Protein backbone atom coordinates (compact mmCIF):
# COMPACT_ATOMS: atom_id res chain seq x y z
CA MET A 1 -149.52 112.71 80.07
CA SER A 2 -148.62 112.36 83.72
CA PHE A 3 -145.04 112.11 84.13
CA SER A 4 -146.05 108.11 85.87
CA GLU A 5 -148.37 107.30 82.71
CA SER A 6 -144.51 108.56 80.79
CA VAL A 7 -142.59 106.23 83.45
CA GLN A 8 -144.52 102.64 83.04
CA MET A 9 -144.52 103.22 78.85
CA MET A 10 -141.07 103.23 78.88
CA GLU A 11 -140.65 100.23 81.84
CA SER A 12 -143.35 98.71 79.43
CA PHE A 13 -140.92 99.68 76.18
CA LEU A 14 -137.83 98.48 77.82
CA LYS A 15 -138.96 95.17 78.90
CA GLN A 16 -140.61 94.42 75.19
CA GLU A 17 -137.33 95.40 73.49
CA ASN A 18 -135.55 93.99 76.41
CA TRP A 19 -134.09 90.46 74.00
CA ILE A 20 -133.00 92.86 71.26
CA VAL A 21 -130.45 94.26 74.36
CA GLN A 22 -129.54 90.47 75.43
CA VAL A 23 -129.09 89.73 71.22
CA PHE A 24 -126.88 92.30 71.16
CA ILE A 25 -124.65 91.51 74.36
CA VAL A 26 -124.83 87.85 73.15
CA VAL A 27 -122.99 88.83 69.83
CA PHE A 28 -120.58 91.34 71.16
CA LEU A 29 -119.71 88.63 73.85
CA THR A 30 -118.88 86.23 71.21
CA ALA A 31 -116.76 88.90 68.72
CA PHE A 32 -114.72 89.66 71.84
CA ILE A 33 -114.10 86.04 72.97
CA ASN A 34 -112.83 85.00 69.38
CA TRP A 35 -110.72 88.22 69.68
CA LEU A 36 -109.40 87.07 72.82
CA GLN A 37 -108.91 83.49 71.94
CA LYS A 38 -107.46 84.10 68.58
CA ARG A 39 -104.20 86.05 70.45
CA ILE A 40 -103.84 83.26 73.02
CA ILE A 41 -103.71 80.61 70.46
CA THR A 42 -101.38 82.65 67.94
CA LYS A 43 -99.00 82.98 71.24
CA VAL A 44 -98.92 79.99 71.95
CA ILE A 45 -98.33 79.17 68.40
CA ASN A 46 -95.37 81.90 68.40
CA ARG A 47 -94.01 79.61 71.92
CA LEU A 48 -94.31 76.32 70.17
CA LYS A 49 -92.26 77.35 67.24
CA LYS A 50 -89.87 77.33 69.57
CA THR A 51 -89.65 73.87 71.25
CA TRP A 52 -88.31 70.86 69.72
CA THR A 53 -91.31 69.31 68.85
CA ASN A 54 -93.58 69.54 66.68
CA TRP A 55 -96.63 67.55 66.99
CA ASP A 56 -98.31 70.07 69.84
CA GLN A 57 -97.86 72.91 67.11
CA ALA A 58 -99.40 71.04 64.73
CA LEU A 59 -102.41 70.13 67.47
CA PHE A 60 -103.59 73.83 67.57
CA ILE A 61 -102.87 74.92 64.41
CA ALA A 62 -105.17 72.88 63.74
CA ALA A 63 -107.68 73.60 66.01
CA GLN A 64 -107.31 77.71 65.38
CA LYS A 65 -109.83 78.12 62.76
CA PRO A 66 -112.56 75.20 63.70
CA ILE A 67 -112.57 76.63 67.25
CA THR A 68 -113.20 80.33 65.95
CA LEU A 69 -116.05 78.87 63.89
CA LEU A 70 -117.53 76.28 66.86
CA ILE A 71 -117.87 80.08 69.15
CA TRP A 72 -119.48 81.66 66.22
CA VAL A 73 -121.47 78.86 65.57
CA LEU A 74 -122.74 79.12 69.36
CA GLY A 75 -122.96 82.49 69.86
CA LEU A 76 -125.11 82.87 66.79
CA THR A 77 -127.13 79.63 67.37
CA TYR A 78 -127.93 81.12 71.09
CA ALA A 79 -129.01 84.98 70.95
CA ALA A 80 -130.99 82.84 68.21
CA ASP A 81 -132.44 80.98 70.77
CA ILE A 82 -133.19 84.02 72.41
CA VAL A 83 -135.39 86.28 69.14
CA LYS A 84 -137.01 82.33 69.77
CA ALA A 85 -138.10 82.81 72.86
CA GLN A 86 -140.03 86.26 71.81
CA THR A 87 -141.18 85.80 68.41
CA ASP A 88 -141.50 82.05 68.68
CA ALA A 89 -141.49 81.14 64.82
CA ALA A 90 -141.40 78.07 63.44
CA ILE A 91 -138.17 78.81 61.41
CA PHE A 92 -136.54 78.51 64.29
CA GLY A 93 -137.16 74.87 65.16
CA ALA A 94 -134.52 74.09 63.28
CA ILE A 95 -131.85 76.19 65.95
CA GLU A 96 -131.31 73.30 68.03
CA PRO A 97 -130.02 70.14 65.02
CA ILE A 98 -128.17 73.57 63.39
CA ARG A 99 -126.48 73.88 66.11
CA GLU A 100 -125.58 69.95 66.61
CA VAL A 101 -124.64 69.54 63.55
CA GLY A 102 -122.43 72.36 63.51
CA VAL A 103 -120.70 71.33 66.16
CA ILE A 104 -120.26 67.79 65.03
CA VAL A 105 -119.02 68.78 61.09
CA ILE A 106 -116.41 71.37 63.44
CA ILE A 107 -114.74 68.52 64.89
CA ILE A 108 -114.56 66.58 62.45
CA TRP A 109 -112.56 69.62 60.10
CA PHE A 110 -110.58 69.62 63.84
CA LEU A 111 -109.43 66.02 63.08
CA VAL A 112 -109.20 66.10 59.42
CA ARG A 113 -106.51 69.03 59.68
CA LEU A 114 -105.07 67.52 62.60
CA ILE A 115 -104.39 64.00 60.29
CA SER A 116 -102.81 66.50 57.58
CA ASN A 117 -101.01 68.26 59.85
CA SER A 118 -99.29 65.14 61.30
CA GLU A 119 -98.73 64.01 58.01
CA THR A 120 -96.84 67.46 56.83
CA ILE A 121 -94.78 67.57 60.24
CA LEU A 122 -93.95 63.62 60.04
CA LEU A 123 -92.07 64.11 56.58
CA GLU A 124 -90.62 66.77 57.59
CA LYS A 125 -89.00 65.21 60.29
CA LYS A 126 -88.05 62.21 58.38
CA GLN A 127 -86.26 64.57 55.59
CA LEU A 128 -84.25 66.33 57.96
CA LYS A 129 -82.71 63.69 59.71
CA GLY A 130 -82.31 62.40 56.03
CA GLU A 131 -83.67 59.18 57.02
CA ASP A 132 -85.56 56.81 54.84
CA PHE A 133 -89.14 56.88 54.28
CA ASP A 134 -92.42 55.78 52.27
CA GLN A 135 -94.20 59.12 51.42
CA THR A 136 -96.70 56.92 49.41
CA THR A 137 -97.59 54.81 52.92
CA ALA A 138 -97.89 57.93 54.55
CA ASP A 139 -99.80 59.22 52.30
CA ALA A 140 -102.57 56.43 51.93
CA ILE A 141 -102.68 55.97 55.99
CA ALA A 142 -103.98 59.89 55.72
CA LYS A 143 -106.34 59.34 53.51
CA LEU A 144 -107.91 56.42 54.86
CA LEU A 145 -108.45 57.95 58.80
CA ARG A 146 -109.63 61.30 56.82
CA VAL A 147 -112.31 59.22 54.57
CA SER A 148 -112.77 57.33 58.11
CA VAL A 149 -113.43 60.63 60.23
CA ILE A 150 -115.77 61.81 57.40
CA ILE A 151 -117.59 58.62 57.30
CA THR A 152 -118.03 58.65 60.88
CA GLY A 153 -118.91 61.87 60.99
CA ALA A 154 -121.78 61.64 58.55
CA LEU A 155 -123.53 58.90 60.29
CA VAL A 156 -123.37 60.74 63.21
CA ILE A 157 -125.08 63.33 62.10
CA LEU A 158 -127.39 61.65 60.29
CA GLN A 159 -128.40 59.59 63.56
CA THR A 160 -128.15 63.34 65.17
CA LEU A 161 -130.65 64.37 62.80
CA GLY A 162 -132.58 60.91 64.12
CA TYR A 163 -132.41 58.83 60.92
CA SER A 164 -131.64 55.32 61.99
CA ILE A 165 -128.15 54.28 61.30
CA SER A 166 -129.35 50.62 60.38
CA GLY A 167 -131.59 51.60 58.42
CA VAL A 168 -128.99 53.99 56.20
CA LEU A 169 -126.64 51.20 55.79
CA ALA A 170 -129.52 48.83 54.47
CA PHE A 171 -130.58 50.72 51.94
CA GLY A 172 -126.56 51.57 51.42
CA GLY A 173 -126.76 47.66 50.59
CA ILE A 174 -129.31 47.74 48.52
CA GLY A 175 -128.21 51.23 46.89
CA GLY A 176 -125.15 50.35 46.73
CA ILE A 177 -125.75 47.91 43.38
CA ALA A 178 -126.96 50.54 41.61
CA ILE A 179 -124.90 53.26 42.62
CA GLY A 180 -122.60 50.55 41.89
CA PHE A 181 -123.92 50.24 38.21
CA ALA A 182 -123.64 54.15 37.42
CA ALA A 183 -120.94 54.66 39.08
CA ARG A 184 -118.37 51.38 37.47
CA ASP A 185 -115.39 53.56 36.44
CA LEU A 186 -115.34 56.07 39.65
CA LEU A 187 -114.85 52.41 41.49
CA ALA A 188 -112.85 50.99 39.28
CA ASN A 189 -110.54 53.79 39.91
CA PHE A 190 -111.09 53.44 43.42
CA PHE A 191 -109.66 49.41 43.69
CA GLY A 192 -106.99 50.93 41.41
CA GLY A 193 -105.98 53.39 43.95
CA LEU A 194 -106.00 50.27 46.26
CA THR A 195 -104.28 47.67 44.40
CA ILE A 196 -101.18 50.44 43.92
CA TYR A 197 -101.53 51.10 47.83
CA MET A 198 -101.34 47.76 48.41
CA ASP A 199 -98.66 46.45 45.91
CA ARG A 200 -96.55 49.08 45.49
CA PRO A 201 -95.32 48.67 41.81
CA PHE A 202 -94.22 52.25 42.31
CA ASP A 203 -94.00 55.39 44.97
CA VAL A 204 -94.17 58.93 44.71
CA GLY A 205 -91.10 59.97 42.81
CA ASP A 206 -90.04 57.19 41.05
CA TRP A 207 -89.73 57.24 37.29
CA ILE A 208 -92.26 54.79 35.40
CA ARG A 209 -93.20 53.86 31.76
CA SER A 210 -95.45 51.66 30.24
CA PRO A 211 -94.38 49.59 26.93
CA ASP A 212 -98.17 49.21 26.48
CA ARG A 213 -99.07 52.76 26.47
CA GLU A 214 -96.77 55.78 26.00
CA ILE A 215 -96.57 56.63 29.69
CA GLU A 216 -93.24 57.80 30.80
CA GLY A 217 -92.46 60.06 33.77
CA SER A 218 -92.02 61.03 37.35
CA VAL A 219 -94.72 60.03 39.42
CA GLU A 220 -96.01 63.43 41.52
CA LYS A 221 -99.33 62.81 43.18
CA ILE A 222 -101.07 59.15 43.78
CA GLY A 223 -104.49 59.96 44.13
CA TRP A 224 -107.94 57.49 45.13
CA ARG A 225 -108.86 58.26 41.48
CA LEU A 226 -106.09 59.69 39.72
CA THR A 227 -101.95 59.50 39.59
CA THR A 228 -100.27 62.16 38.04
CA ILE A 229 -96.86 61.98 35.99
CA ARG A 230 -94.82 64.15 35.23
CA THR A 231 -93.75 63.50 31.85
CA PHE A 232 -89.81 65.06 30.83
CA ASP A 233 -91.35 67.64 28.46
CA LYS A 234 -92.99 68.52 32.10
CA ARG A 235 -96.17 68.16 31.18
CA PRO A 236 -98.83 66.88 33.58
CA LEU A 237 -99.90 63.60 32.62
CA TYR A 238 -103.38 62.24 34.05
CA ILE A 239 -104.25 58.46 34.42
CA PRO A 240 -106.89 57.01 35.65
CA ASN A 241 -106.22 54.34 38.23
CA SER A 242 -107.90 51.41 36.48
CA VAL A 243 -105.61 51.97 33.82
CA PHE A 244 -102.71 50.12 35.98
CA THR A 245 -104.76 47.12 36.96
CA ASN A 246 -104.62 46.14 32.70
CA ILE A 247 -101.12 47.06 31.76
CA ALA A 248 -97.49 46.48 32.48
CA VAL A 249 -95.84 49.38 34.45
CA GLU A 250 -91.59 49.27 34.16
CA ASN A 251 -89.80 51.28 37.40
CA PRO A 252 -86.49 52.06 36.62
CA GLN A 253 -85.91 53.84 39.75
CA ARG A 254 -85.57 50.49 41.15
CA MET A 255 -83.19 48.51 39.15
CA THR A 256 -79.78 47.56 40.47
CA ASN A 257 -77.95 48.65 37.37
CA ARG A 258 -77.61 49.57 33.80
CA ARG A 259 -76.54 47.89 31.13
CA ILE A 260 -74.21 49.16 28.17
CA LYS A 261 -74.62 47.00 24.87
CA GLU A 262 -72.94 48.37 21.37
CA THR A 263 -71.24 46.89 18.78
CA ILE A 264 -68.15 48.35 17.16
CA GLY A 265 -66.82 47.89 14.01
CA ILE A 266 -63.09 48.19 12.83
CA ARG A 267 -62.03 47.98 9.23
CA TYR A 268 -61.61 43.92 7.71
CA ASP A 269 -57.46 45.72 7.03
CA ASP A 270 -57.53 45.31 10.78
CA ALA A 271 -58.56 41.94 11.12
CA SER A 272 -55.04 40.53 12.57
CA LYS A 273 -55.53 43.29 15.53
CA MET A 274 -59.15 42.16 16.55
CA ARG A 275 -57.49 39.97 19.31
CA GLU A 276 -55.40 42.40 21.16
CA ILE A 277 -58.40 45.02 20.54
CA ILE A 278 -60.75 42.97 22.01
CA ALA A 279 -58.48 41.53 24.94
CA ASP A 280 -57.80 45.51 25.88
CA VAL A 281 -61.36 46.81 25.63
CA LYS A 282 -62.11 43.68 28.18
CA LYS A 283 -59.83 44.56 30.68
CA MET A 284 -60.33 47.93 29.67
CA LEU A 285 -63.71 47.51 31.36
CA GLN A 286 -62.75 45.17 34.32
CA GLN A 287 -60.25 47.86 35.92
CA HIS A 288 -63.08 50.25 35.20
CA ASP A 289 -64.36 51.91 38.68
CA ASP A 290 -68.04 52.85 37.58
CA ILE A 291 -68.68 49.40 35.78
CA ASP A 292 -70.40 46.38 38.07
CA ASN A 293 -67.60 43.32 37.66
CA ASN A 294 -69.97 41.51 39.21
CA GLN A 295 -72.14 41.59 36.82
CA THR A 296 -72.43 39.60 33.52
CA LEU A 297 -69.34 41.55 31.32
CA ILE A 298 -69.01 40.11 27.41
CA VAL A 299 -66.32 41.36 24.89
CA ASN A 300 -66.27 39.20 21.95
CA PHE A 301 -65.88 39.35 18.02
CA ASN A 302 -69.20 38.32 16.36
CA GLU A 303 -70.14 39.77 13.34
CA PHE A 304 -67.91 39.60 9.55
CA ALA A 305 -70.44 42.38 8.10
CA ALA A 306 -70.35 44.09 4.66
CA SER A 307 -68.14 46.91 5.35
CA SER A 308 -66.75 45.92 8.80
CA LEU A 309 -65.64 43.60 11.83
CA ASN A 310 -67.75 43.91 14.29
CA PHE A 311 -67.35 42.95 18.27
CA PHE A 312 -69.88 44.24 20.75
CA ILE A 313 -69.87 44.93 24.64
CA TYR A 314 -72.26 43.71 26.95
CA THR A 315 -71.96 45.57 30.96
CA PHE A 316 -73.31 46.99 33.54
CA THR A 317 -73.18 50.70 35.68
CA LYS A 318 -72.56 50.31 39.02
CA THR A 319 -74.89 53.76 38.30
CA VAL A 320 -78.74 53.76 37.94
CA ASN A 321 -79.19 57.74 37.74
CA TRP A 322 -80.18 58.41 34.37
CA ILE A 323 -76.67 61.24 33.43
CA GLU A 324 -74.48 59.60 35.23
CA PHE A 325 -74.82 56.80 33.53
CA HIS A 326 -74.09 58.66 30.01
CA GLU A 327 -71.33 59.26 31.70
CA VAL A 328 -69.94 56.70 32.37
CA LYS A 329 -71.15 55.10 28.87
CA GLN A 330 -69.49 58.22 27.08
CA ASP A 331 -66.18 57.52 29.36
CA VAL A 332 -66.42 53.33 27.93
CA MET A 333 -66.90 54.58 24.41
CA LEU A 334 -64.17 57.44 24.08
CA LYS A 335 -61.77 54.19 25.84
CA ILE A 336 -62.50 51.66 23.48
CA ILE A 337 -61.35 54.06 20.43
CA ASP A 338 -58.68 55.21 22.31
CA ILE A 339 -57.34 51.71 21.94
CA ILE A 340 -58.63 50.75 18.62
CA GLU A 341 -55.93 53.78 17.54
CA SER A 342 -53.68 52.74 20.10
CA HIS A 343 -53.10 49.25 17.60
CA ASP A 344 -52.69 51.34 14.55
CA ALA A 345 -56.29 50.53 13.82
CA GLU A 346 -59.42 52.48 12.81
CA CYS A 347 -62.86 51.78 13.15
CA ALA A 348 -65.17 50.99 10.32
CA PHE A 349 -67.98 52.94 8.55
CA PRO A 350 -69.41 51.80 5.57
CA THR A 351 -67.81 51.74 2.41
CA THR A 352 -68.26 50.28 -1.49
CA THR A 353 -64.78 48.72 -3.51
CA MET A 354 -65.46 48.92 -7.15
CA HIS A 355 -63.31 46.44 -9.36
CA ILE A 356 -62.12 47.32 -12.52
CA PRO A 357 -60.68 44.61 -15.37
CA GLN A 358 -57.29 45.78 -16.94
CA GLU A 359 -58.48 45.36 -20.00
CA LEU A 360 -61.23 47.82 -19.42
CA HIS A 361 -61.00 50.78 -21.75
CA ILE A 362 -63.00 54.01 -21.46
CA ALA A 363 -63.46 55.18 -25.04
CA ASN A 364 -62.79 58.79 -25.47
CA LYS A 365 -65.06 60.57 -27.54
């Protein structure tokens, strides 16, 4: 074989294998661009952390991973176009739809991440400033925005793939009936969650309980299907939202005062001292710093019991905190004991007195 023939064969081979080199170059450039953008965005985020606002930081953090995926989707699909031009295989006909759907999915992912980051930053800023902020409302708005973005993105994807959105919506109207029967519990929980967000019977962090069910604890999360409650023994309790549309719910977290309602008994031997004891107890409650005198305050003798003369106290504390309430109640009860003892009286306890006639004698055996 002559030298000229060898050169011609080499040129023919290079022309045939040129697309492989192009694919390699495209993949290499994709990897390089991805590496470069990671370094740039990381440096930008580090600089933004030193600024007074966090919204620009949230934007770049939300875009960091989607940009990486976008670069690889565009790079690999472009390399696949080069292969398609050489091989003309039928499978490569899906490259264009994959690229378009991939870009839409990446945009949806970016928007969902941006909404979540914005919610987190908003809550953190309010907490740092010590401002009151409704976390439940923020969570509800963020969820609605995410759902809206996902549904809109899904419709755009269907339109991109050649499906008529009007036809899909019409099918949804007919098929929604069948789906509604099949998923009525799921829909009931969804609308139950929507009712919680609108009526606001409780918020995240509230202590709630139900007299209809064995439900009591602190609300940790309000989801679209479940509400998570942490019971007082630290167990998580997952309640379907539809349950809250059928039961009564008490929210002690929103009470204005806590009530002290107790009955105290003194001996019958101390009956003459009852009037002074009641007067002193009432005066003590009126002067107590932790008792709310704007609420009902009652101290009255009300019962001739089997072993005691009973009077009751009915008053309200200023605090609604469970632990502080018990401290106040303890202080009140101890002061009542001191008042009773200061009058040389005693608290009564159940006793039985046996009267034996004098003429009764017990014979000795």
